[in-house]
Full PDB file with SEQRES, HELIX, SHEET, SSBOND, CRYST1, ORIGX, SCALE, CONECT and MASTER records, all heavy atoms in Angstrom:
SEQRES   1 A   31  TYR PRO ASP TYR PRO MET GLU LEU GLN LEU TRP ALA ARG          
SEQRES   2 A   31  GLN GLN PRO LEU LEU SER CYS HIS PRO ASP ALA LEU HIS          
SEQRES   3 A   31  GLY THR LEU LEU GLY                                          
SHEET    1 AA1 2 LEU A  17  CYS A  20  0                                        
SHEET    2 AA1 2 LEU A  25  THR A  28 -1                                        
CRYST1    1.000    1.000    1.000  90.00  90.00  90.00 P 1           1          
ORIGX1      1.000000  0.000000  0.000000        0.00000                         
ORIGX2      0.000000  1.000000  0.000000        0.00000                         
ORIGX3      0.000000  0.000000  1.000000        0.00000                         
SCALE1      1.000000  0.000000  0.000000        0.00000                         
SCALE2      0.000000  1.000000  0.000000        0.00000                         
SCALE3      0.000000  0.000000  1.000000        0.00000                         
ATOM      1  N   TYR A   1     -20.146 113.487   6.783  1.00  0.00           N  
ATOM      2  CA  TYR A   1     -21.468 114.100   6.910  1.00  0.00           C  
ATOM      3  C   TYR A   1     -22.264 113.366   8.041  1.00  0.00           C  
ATOM      4  O   TYR A   1     -23.064 112.523   7.732  1.00  0.00           O  
ATOM      5  CB  TYR A   1     -22.233 113.992   5.595  1.00  0.00           C  
ATOM      6  CG  TYR A   1     -21.496 114.551   4.431  1.00  0.00           C  
ATOM      7  CD1 TYR A   1     -20.839 113.706   3.493  1.00  0.00           C  
ATOM      8  CD2 TYR A   1     -21.465 115.938   4.185  1.00  0.00           C  
ATOM      9  CE1 TYR A   1     -20.166 114.209   2.396  1.00  0.00           C  
ATOM     10  CE2 TYR A   1     -20.760 116.443   3.092  1.00  0.00           C  
ATOM     11  CZ  TYR A   1     -20.134 115.578   2.237  1.00  0.00           C  
ATOM     12  OH  TYR A   1     -19.455 116.130   1.130  1.00  0.00           O  
ATOM     13  N   PRO A   2     -21.970 113.668   9.306  1.00  0.00           N  
ATOM     14  CA  PRO A   2     -22.650 113.001  10.362  1.00  0.00           C  
ATOM     15  C   PRO A   2     -24.133 113.308  10.417  1.00  0.00           C  
ATOM     16  O   PRO A   2     -24.555 114.494  10.517  1.00  0.00           O  
ATOM     17  CB  PRO A   2     -21.912 113.423  11.625  1.00  0.00           C  
ATOM     18  CG  PRO A   2     -21.287 114.758  11.223  1.00  0.00           C  
ATOM     19  CD  PRO A   2     -21.052 114.684   9.741  1.00  0.00           C  
ATOM     20  N   ASP A   3     -24.987 112.311  10.359  1.00  0.00           N  
ATOM     21  CA  ASP A   3     -26.396 112.394  10.439  1.00  0.00           C  
ATOM     22  C   ASP A   3     -27.102 113.387   9.550  1.00  0.00           C  
ATOM     23  O   ASP A   3     -27.935 114.235   9.999  1.00  0.00           O  
ATOM     24  CB  ASP A   3     -26.816 112.621  11.934  1.00  0.00           C  
ATOM     25  CG  ASP A   3     -28.239 112.193  12.195  1.00  0.00           C  
ATOM     26  OD1 ASP A   3     -28.746 111.314  11.426  1.00  0.00           O  
ATOM     27  OD2 ASP A   3     -28.882 112.700  13.087  1.00  0.00           O  
ATOM     28  N   TYR A   4     -26.793 113.339   8.319  1.00  0.00           N  
ATOM     29  CA  TYR A   4     -27.434 114.192   7.272  1.00  0.00           C  
ATOM     30  C   TYR A   4     -28.484 113.371   6.563  1.00  0.00           C  
ATOM     31  O   TYR A   4     -28.316 112.132   6.379  1.00  0.00           O  
ATOM     32  CB  TYR A   4     -26.443 114.734   6.304  1.00  0.00           C  
ATOM     33  CG  TYR A   4     -25.643 115.899   6.703  1.00  0.00           C  
ATOM     34  CD1 TYR A   4     -24.504 115.708   7.526  1.00  0.00           C  
ATOM     35  CD2 TYR A   4     -26.021 117.192   6.461  1.00  0.00           C  
ATOM     36  CE1 TYR A   4     -23.709 116.786   7.935  1.00  0.00           C  
ATOM     37  CE2 TYR A   4     -25.267 118.267   6.795  1.00  0.00           C  
ATOM     38  CZ  TYR A   4     -24.171 118.071   7.582  1.00  0.00           C  
ATOM     39  OH  TYR A   4     -23.388 119.132   8.055  1.00  0.00           O  
ATOM     40  N   PRO A   5     -29.578 113.986   6.075  1.00  0.00           N  
ATOM     41  CA  PRO A   5     -30.562 113.225   5.280  1.00  0.00           C  
ATOM     42  C   PRO A   5     -29.945 112.975   3.893  1.00  0.00           C  
ATOM     43  O   PRO A   5     -28.975 113.577   3.444  1.00  0.00           O  
ATOM     44  CB  PRO A   5     -31.723 114.238   5.140  1.00  0.00           C  
ATOM     45  CG  PRO A   5     -31.199 115.538   5.447  1.00  0.00           C  
ATOM     46  CD  PRO A   5     -29.951 115.368   6.314  1.00  0.00           C  
ATOM     47  N   MET A   6     -30.434 111.892   3.300  1.00  0.00           N  
ATOM     48  CA  MET A   6     -29.986 111.478   2.010  1.00  0.00           C  
ATOM     49  C   MET A   6     -31.175 111.353   1.042  1.00  0.00           C  
ATOM     50  O   MET A   6     -32.316 111.252   1.453  1.00  0.00           O  
ATOM     51  CB  MET A   6     -29.230 110.150   2.097  1.00  0.00           C  
ATOM     52  CG  MET A   6     -27.976 110.231   2.931  1.00  0.00           C  
ATOM     53  SD  MET A   6     -27.127 108.644   2.950  1.00  0.00           S  
ATOM     54  CE  MET A   6     -26.441 108.583   1.294  1.00  0.00           C  
ATOM     55  N   GLU A   7     -30.879 111.342  -0.232  1.00  0.00           N  
ATOM     56  CA  GLU A   7     -31.820 111.067  -1.300  1.00  0.00           C  
ATOM     57  C   GLU A   7     -31.201 109.959  -2.215  1.00  0.00           C  
ATOM     58  O   GLU A   7     -30.025 109.888  -2.358  1.00  0.00           O  
ATOM     59  CB  GLU A   7     -32.100 112.328  -2.160  1.00  0.00           C  
ATOM     60  CG  GLU A   7     -32.934 113.356  -1.405  1.00  0.00           C  
ATOM     61  CD  GLU A   7     -33.284 114.533  -2.286  1.00  0.00           C  
ATOM     62  OE1 GLU A   7     -32.944 114.520  -3.505  1.00  0.00           O  
ATOM     63  OE2 GLU A   7     -33.899 115.492  -1.744  1.00  0.00           O  
ATOM     64  N   LEU A   8     -32.136 109.217  -2.756  1.00  0.00           N  
ATOM     65  CA  LEU A   8     -31.726 108.131  -3.694  1.00  0.00           C  
ATOM     66  C   LEU A   8     -32.420 108.406  -4.999  1.00  0.00           C  
ATOM     67  O   LEU A   8     -33.629 108.610  -5.008  1.00  0.00           O  
ATOM     68  CB  LEU A   8     -32.172 106.787  -3.077  1.00  0.00           C  
ATOM     69  CG  LEU A   8     -31.598 105.542  -3.762  1.00  0.00           C  
ATOM     70  CD1 LEU A   8     -30.127 105.498  -3.636  1.00  0.00           C  
ATOM     71  CD2 LEU A   8     -32.213 104.321  -3.072  1.00  0.00           C  
ATOM     72  N   GLN A   9     -31.676 108.381  -6.056  1.00  0.00           N  
ATOM     73  CA  GLN A   9     -32.216 108.558  -7.403  1.00  0.00           C  
ATOM     74  C   GLN A   9     -32.077 107.165  -8.127  1.00  0.00           C  
ATOM     75  O   GLN A   9     -30.988 106.660  -8.256  1.00  0.00           O  
ATOM     76  CB  GLN A   9     -31.498 109.640  -8.167  1.00  0.00           C  
ATOM     77  CG  GLN A   9     -32.098 109.982  -9.487  1.00  0.00           C  
ATOM     78  CD  GLN A   9     -31.388 111.098 -10.183  1.00  0.00           C  
ATOM     79  OE1 GLN A   9     -30.155 111.143 -10.253  1.00  0.00           O  
ATOM     80  NE2 GLN A   9     -32.167 112.078 -10.730  1.00  0.00           N  
ATOM     81  N   LEU A  10     -33.255 106.652  -8.555  1.00  0.00           N  
ATOM     82  CA  LEU A  10     -33.248 105.364  -9.301  1.00  0.00           C  
ATOM     83  C   LEU A  10     -33.650 105.610 -10.707  1.00  0.00           C  
ATOM     84  O   LEU A  10     -34.504 106.443 -11.014  1.00  0.00           O  
ATOM     85  CB  LEU A  10     -34.288 104.409  -8.696  1.00  0.00           C  
ATOM     86  CG  LEU A  10     -34.071 104.174  -7.190  1.00  0.00           C  
ATOM     87  CD1 LEU A  10     -35.312 103.410  -6.616  1.00  0.00           C  
ATOM     88  CD2 LEU A  10     -32.833 103.374  -6.851  1.00  0.00           C  
ATOM     89  N   TRP A  11     -33.037 104.882 -11.683  1.00  0.00           N  
ATOM     90  CA  TRP A  11     -33.428 105.008 -13.046  1.00  0.00           C  
ATOM     91  C   TRP A  11     -33.016 103.780 -13.864  1.00  0.00           C  
ATOM     92  O   TRP A  11     -32.150 103.024 -13.422  1.00  0.00           O  
ATOM     93  CB  TRP A  11     -32.839 106.271 -13.691  1.00  0.00           C  
ATOM     94  CG  TRP A  11     -31.356 106.259 -13.947  1.00  0.00           C  
ATOM     95  CD1 TRP A  11     -30.730 105.824 -15.065  1.00  0.00           C  
ATOM     96  CD2 TRP A  11     -30.338 106.589 -13.037  1.00  0.00           C  
ATOM     97  NE1 TRP A  11     -29.352 105.953 -14.900  1.00  0.00           N  
ATOM     98  CE2 TRP A  11     -29.045 106.441 -13.621  1.00  0.00           C  
ATOM     99  CE3 TRP A  11     -30.313 107.104 -11.721  1.00  0.00           C  
ATOM    100  CZ2 TRP A  11     -27.893 106.678 -13.020  1.00  0.00           C  
ATOM    101  CZ3 TRP A  11     -29.147 107.403 -11.115  1.00  0.00           C  
ATOM    102  CH2 TRP A  11     -27.927 107.205 -11.774  1.00  0.00           C  
ATOM    103  N   ALA A  12     -33.721 103.590 -14.946  1.00  0.00           N  
ATOM    104  CA  ALA A  12     -33.372 102.482 -15.859  1.00  0.00           C  
ATOM    105  C   ALA A  12     -32.248 103.014 -16.756  1.00  0.00           C  
ATOM    106  O   ALA A  12     -32.358 104.044 -17.375  1.00  0.00           O  
ATOM    107  CB  ALA A  12     -34.614 102.076 -16.688  1.00  0.00           C  
ATOM    108  N   ARG A  13     -31.147 102.256 -16.881  1.00  0.00           N  
ATOM    109  CA  ARG A  13     -30.082 102.583 -17.760  1.00  0.00           C  
ATOM    110  C   ARG A  13     -30.399 102.215 -19.174  1.00  0.00           C  
ATOM    111  O   ARG A  13     -29.850 102.828 -20.104  1.00  0.00           O  
ATOM    112  CB  ARG A  13     -28.796 101.855 -17.312  1.00  0.00           C  
ATOM    113  CG  ARG A  13     -28.205 102.318 -16.048  1.00  0.00           C  
ATOM    114  CD  ARG A  13     -26.831 101.784 -15.834  1.00  0.00           C  
ATOM    115  NE  ARG A  13     -26.462 100.429 -16.289  1.00  0.00           N  
ATOM    116  CZ  ARG A  13     -26.743  99.327 -15.649  1.00  0.00           C  
ATOM    117  NH1 ARG A  13     -27.353  99.340 -14.513  1.00  0.00           N  
ATOM    118  NH2 ARG A  13     -26.422  98.183 -16.232  1.00  0.00           N  
ATOM    119  N   GLN A  14     -31.188 101.174 -19.403  1.00  0.00           N  
ATOM    120  CA  GLN A  14     -31.601 100.773 -20.698  1.00  0.00           C  
ATOM    121  C   GLN A  14     -33.060 100.406 -20.657  1.00  0.00           C  
ATOM    122  O   GLN A  14     -33.621 100.197 -19.557  1.00  0.00           O  
ATOM    123  CB  GLN A  14     -30.800  99.559 -21.143  1.00  0.00           C  
ATOM    124  CG  GLN A  14     -29.347  99.792 -21.332  1.00  0.00           C  
ATOM    125  CD  GLN A  14     -28.608  98.505 -21.800  1.00  0.00           C  
ATOM    126  OE1 GLN A  14     -29.207  97.539 -22.222  1.00  0.00           O  
ATOM    127  NE2 GLN A  14     -27.296  98.526 -21.704  1.00  0.00           N  
ATOM    128  N   GLN A  15     -33.670 100.265 -21.813  1.00  0.00           N  
ATOM    129  CA  GLN A  15     -35.060  99.879 -21.890  1.00  0.00           C  
ATOM    130  C   GLN A  15     -35.226  98.528 -21.249  1.00  0.00           C  
ATOM    131  O   GLN A  15     -34.531  97.552 -21.584  1.00  0.00           O  
ATOM    132  CB  GLN A  15     -35.476  99.867 -23.330  1.00  0.00           C  
ATOM    133  CG  GLN A  15     -36.828  99.182 -23.590  1.00  0.00           C  
ATOM    134  CD  GLN A  15     -37.068  98.909 -25.042  1.00  0.00           C  
ATOM    135  OE1 GLN A  15     -36.456  99.470 -25.919  1.00  0.00           O  
ATOM    136  NE2 GLN A  15     -38.005  97.977 -25.292  1.00  0.00           N  
ATOM    137  N   PRO A  16     -36.236  98.365 -20.359  1.00  0.00           N  
ATOM    138  CA  PRO A  16     -36.544  96.969 -19.883  1.00  0.00           C  
ATOM    139  C   PRO A  16     -37.043  96.138 -21.031  1.00  0.00           C  
ATOM    140  O   PRO A  16     -37.696  96.609 -21.941  1.00  0.00           O  
ATOM    141  CB  PRO A  16     -37.662  97.233 -18.802  1.00  0.00           C  
ATOM    142  CG  PRO A  16     -37.600  98.687 -18.543  1.00  0.00           C  
ATOM    143  CD  PRO A  16     -37.036  99.361 -19.713  1.00  0.00           C  
ATOM    144  N   LEU A  17     -36.690  94.868 -20.940  1.00  0.00           N  
ATOM    145  CA  LEU A  17     -37.095  93.915 -22.046  1.00  0.00           C  
ATOM    146  C   LEU A  17     -37.919  92.854 -21.457  1.00  0.00           C  
ATOM    147  O   LEU A  17     -37.640  92.298 -20.400  1.00  0.00           O  
ATOM    148  CB  LEU A  17     -35.844  93.354 -22.737  1.00  0.00           C  
ATOM    149  CG  LEU A  17     -35.012  94.280 -23.481  1.00  0.00           C  
ATOM    150  CD1 LEU A  17     -33.748  93.653 -24.035  1.00  0.00           C  
ATOM    151  CD2 LEU A  17     -35.785  94.960 -24.604  1.00  0.00           C  
ATOM    152  N   LEU A  18     -38.972  92.425 -22.179  1.00  0.00           N  
ATOM    153  CA  LEU A  18     -39.893  91.379 -21.721  1.00  0.00           C  
ATOM    154  C   LEU A  18     -39.902  90.333 -22.845  1.00  0.00           C  
ATOM    155  O   LEU A  18     -39.950  90.674 -23.998  1.00  0.00           O  
ATOM    156  CB  LEU A  18     -41.285  91.958 -21.527  1.00  0.00           C  
ATOM    157  CG  LEU A  18     -42.331  90.941 -21.114  1.00  0.00           C  
ATOM    158  CD1 LEU A  18     -42.108  90.504 -19.667  1.00  0.00           C  
ATOM    159  CD2 LEU A  18     -43.716  91.511 -21.294  1.00  0.00           C  
ATOM    160  N   SER A  19     -39.888  89.096 -22.424  1.00  0.00           N  
ATOM    161  CA  SER A  19     -40.042  87.999 -23.372  1.00  0.00           C  
ATOM    162  C   SER A  19     -41.136  87.038 -22.878  1.00  0.00           C  
ATOM    163  O   SER A  19     -41.229  86.762 -21.654  1.00  0.00           O  
ATOM    164  CB  SER A  19     -38.746  87.240 -23.663  1.00  0.00           C  
ATOM    165  OG  SER A  19     -38.274  86.631 -22.472  1.00  0.00           O  
ATOM    166  N   CYS A  20     -42.072  86.651 -23.748  1.00  0.00           N  
ATOM    167  CA  CYS A  20     -43.124  85.819 -23.391  1.00  0.00           C  
ATOM    168  C   CYS A  20     -42.820  84.359 -23.755  1.00  0.00           C  
ATOM    169  O   CYS A  20     -42.388  84.033 -24.864  1.00  0.00           O  
ATOM    170  CB  CYS A  20     -44.389  86.223 -24.177  1.00  0.00           C  
ATOM    171  SG  CYS A  20     -44.905  87.935 -23.841  1.00  0.00           S  
ATOM    172  N   HIS A  21     -42.995  83.481 -22.796  1.00  0.00           N  
ATOM    173  CA  HIS A  21     -42.846  82.007 -23.003  1.00  0.00           C  
ATOM    174  C   HIS A  21     -44.105  81.338 -22.552  1.00  0.00           C  
ATOM    175  O   HIS A  21     -44.851  81.854 -21.766  1.00  0.00           O  
ATOM    176  CB  HIS A  21     -41.640  81.550 -22.151  1.00  0.00           C  
ATOM    177  CG  HIS A  21     -40.348  82.202 -22.583  1.00  0.00           C  
ATOM    178  ND1 HIS A  21     -39.511  81.761 -23.595  1.00  0.00           N  
ATOM    179  CD2 HIS A  21     -39.743  83.336 -22.100  1.00  0.00           C  
ATOM    180  CE1 HIS A  21     -38.478  82.605 -23.736  1.00  0.00           C  
ATOM    181  NE2 HIS A  21     -38.557  83.531 -22.815  1.00  0.00           N  
ATOM    182  N   PRO A  22     -44.297  80.106 -22.985  1.00  0.00           N  
ATOM    183  CA  PRO A  22     -45.551  79.415 -22.623  1.00  0.00           C  
ATOM    184  C   PRO A  22     -45.740  79.258 -21.095  1.00  0.00           C  
ATOM    185  O   PRO A  22     -46.812  79.342 -20.630  1.00  0.00           O  
ATOM    186  CB  PRO A  22     -45.448  78.049 -23.261  1.00  0.00           C  
ATOM    187  CG  PRO A  22     -44.457  78.266 -24.381  1.00  0.00           C  
ATOM    188  CD  PRO A  22     -43.551  79.309 -23.941  1.00  0.00           C  
ATOM    189  N   ASP A  23     -44.641  79.104 -20.351  1.00  0.00           N  
ATOM    190  CA  ASP A  23     -44.721  78.875 -18.942  1.00  0.00           C  
ATOM    191  C   ASP A  23     -44.609  80.167 -18.061  1.00  0.00           C  
ATOM    192  O   ASP A  23     -45.007  80.136 -16.936  1.00  0.00           O  
ATOM    193  CB  ASP A  23     -43.663  77.859 -18.450  1.00  0.00           C  
ATOM    194  CG  ASP A  23     -42.258  78.428 -18.665  1.00  0.00           C  
ATOM    195  OD1 ASP A  23     -42.104  79.211 -19.589  1.00  0.00           O  
ATOM    196  OD2 ASP A  23     -41.356  78.016 -17.909  1.00  0.00           O  
ATOM    197  N   ALA A  24     -44.095  81.240 -18.606  1.00  0.00           N  
ATOM    198  CA  ALA A  24     -43.858  82.438 -17.768  1.00  0.00           C  
ATOM    199  C   ALA A  24     -43.502  83.605 -18.687  1.00  0.00           C  
ATOM    200  O   ALA A  24     -43.225  83.491 -19.844  1.00  0.00           O  
ATOM    201  CB  ALA A  24     -42.690  82.150 -16.864  1.00  0.00           C  
ATOM    202  N   LEU A  25     -43.467  84.810 -18.012  1.00  0.00           N  
ATOM    203  CA  LEU A  25     -42.956  85.986 -18.622  1.00  0.00           C  
ATOM    204  C   LEU A  25     -41.643  86.324 -18.009  1.00  0.00           C  
ATOM    205  O   LEU A  25     -41.485  86.203 -16.783  1.00  0.00           O  
ATOM    206  CB  LEU A  25     -43.925  87.174 -18.324  1.00  0.00           C  
ATOM    207  CG  LEU A  25     -45.363  87.026 -18.821  1.00  0.00           C  
ATOM    208  CD1 LEU A  25     -46.228  88.181 -18.299  1.00  0.00           C  
ATOM    209  CD2 LEU A  25     -45.380  86.974 -20.317  1.00  0.00           C  
ATOM    210  N   HIS A  26     -40.697  86.609 -18.848  1.00  0.00           N  
ATOM    211  CA  HIS A  26     -39.322  86.947 -18.347  1.00  0.00           C  
ATOM    212  C   HIS A  26     -38.973  88.380 -18.646  1.00  0.00           C  
ATOM    213  O   HIS A  26     -39.283  88.832 -19.718  1.00  0.00           O  
ATOM    214  CB  HIS A  26     -38.262  85.982 -19.012  1.00  0.00           C  
ATOM    215  CG  HIS A  26     -38.509  84.525 -18.713  1.00  0.00           C  
ATOM    216  ND1 HIS A  26     -38.134  83.956 -17.493  1.00  0.00           N  
ATOM    217  CD2 HIS A  26     -39.109  83.579 -19.467  1.00  0.00           C  
ATOM    218  CE1 HIS A  26     -38.500  82.709 -17.555  1.00  0.00           C  
ATOM    219  NE2 HIS A  26     -39.089  82.461 -18.744  1.00  0.00           N  
ATOM    220  N   GLY A  27     -38.419  89.062 -17.693  1.00  0.00           N  
ATOM    221  CA  GLY A  27     -38.071  90.507 -17.848  1.00  0.00           C  
ATOM    222  C   GLY A  27     -36.676  90.747 -17.452  1.00  0.00           C  
ATOM    223  O   GLY A  27     -36.168  90.098 -16.515  1.00  0.00           O  
ATOM    224  N   THR A  28     -36.011  91.716 -18.111  1.00  0.00           N  
ATOM    225  CA  THR A  28     -34.693  92.046 -17.801  1.00  0.00           C  
ATOM    226  C   THR A  28     -34.709  93.600 -17.479  1.00  0.00           C  
ATOM    227  O   THR A  28     -35.219  94.400 -18.188  1.00  0.00           O  
ATOM    228  CB  THR A  28     -33.720  91.848 -18.952  1.00  0.00           C  
ATOM    229  OG1 THR A  28     -33.690  90.475 -19.249  1.00  0.00           O  
ATOM    230  CG2 THR A  28     -32.302  92.251 -18.551  1.00  0.00           C  
ATOM    231  N   LEU A  29     -34.238  93.916 -16.223  1.00  0.00           N  
ATOM    232  CA  LEU A  29     -34.235  95.252 -15.787  1.00  0.00           C  
ATOM    233  C   LEU A  29     -32.771  95.692 -15.540  1.00  0.00           C  
ATOM    234  O   LEU A  29     -32.069  95.068 -14.729  1.00  0.00           O  
ATOM    235  CB  LEU A  29     -35.016  95.402 -14.434  1.00  0.00           C  
ATOM    236  CG  LEU A  29     -36.421  94.881 -14.475  1.00  0.00           C  
ATOM    237  CD1 LEU A  29     -36.973  94.839 -13.137  1.00  0.00           C  
ATOM    238  CD2 LEU A  29     -37.257  95.705 -15.402  1.00  0.00           C  
ATOM    239  N   LEU A  30     -32.325  96.775 -16.167  1.00  0.00           N  
ATOM    240  CA  LEU A  30     -30.986  97.276 -15.977  1.00  0.00           C  
ATOM    241  C   LEU A  30     -31.124  98.683 -15.458  1.00  0.00           C  
ATOM    242  O   LEU A  30     -31.513  99.628 -16.062  1.00  0.00           O  
ATOM    243  CB  LEU A  30     -30.257  97.343 -17.354  1.00  0.00           C  
ATOM    244  CG  LEU A  30     -30.170  95.948 -18.094  1.00  0.00           C  
ATOM    245  CD1 LEU A  30     -29.491  96.185 -19.454  1.00  0.00           C  
ATOM    246  CD2 LEU A  30     -29.402  94.959 -17.296  1.00  0.00           C  
ATOM    247  N   GLY A  31     -30.817  98.760 -14.097  1.00  0.00           N  
ATOM    248  CA  GLY A  31     -31.012 100.036 -13.476  1.00  0.00           C  
ATOM    249  C   GLY A  31     -29.803 100.526 -12.718  1.00  0.00           C  
ATOM    250  O   GLY A  31     -28.779  99.865 -12.569  1.00  0.00           O  
TER     251      GLY A  31                                                      
MASTER        0    0    0    0    2    0    0    6  250    1    0    3          
END                                                                             
């Protein structure tokens, strides 16, 4: 496909998870 436009589809495969700690917030993103 020489010089054709493209599209990108992004999505989360699983629910993002957040954990709260005294020093920081930690998140896990599975996409």
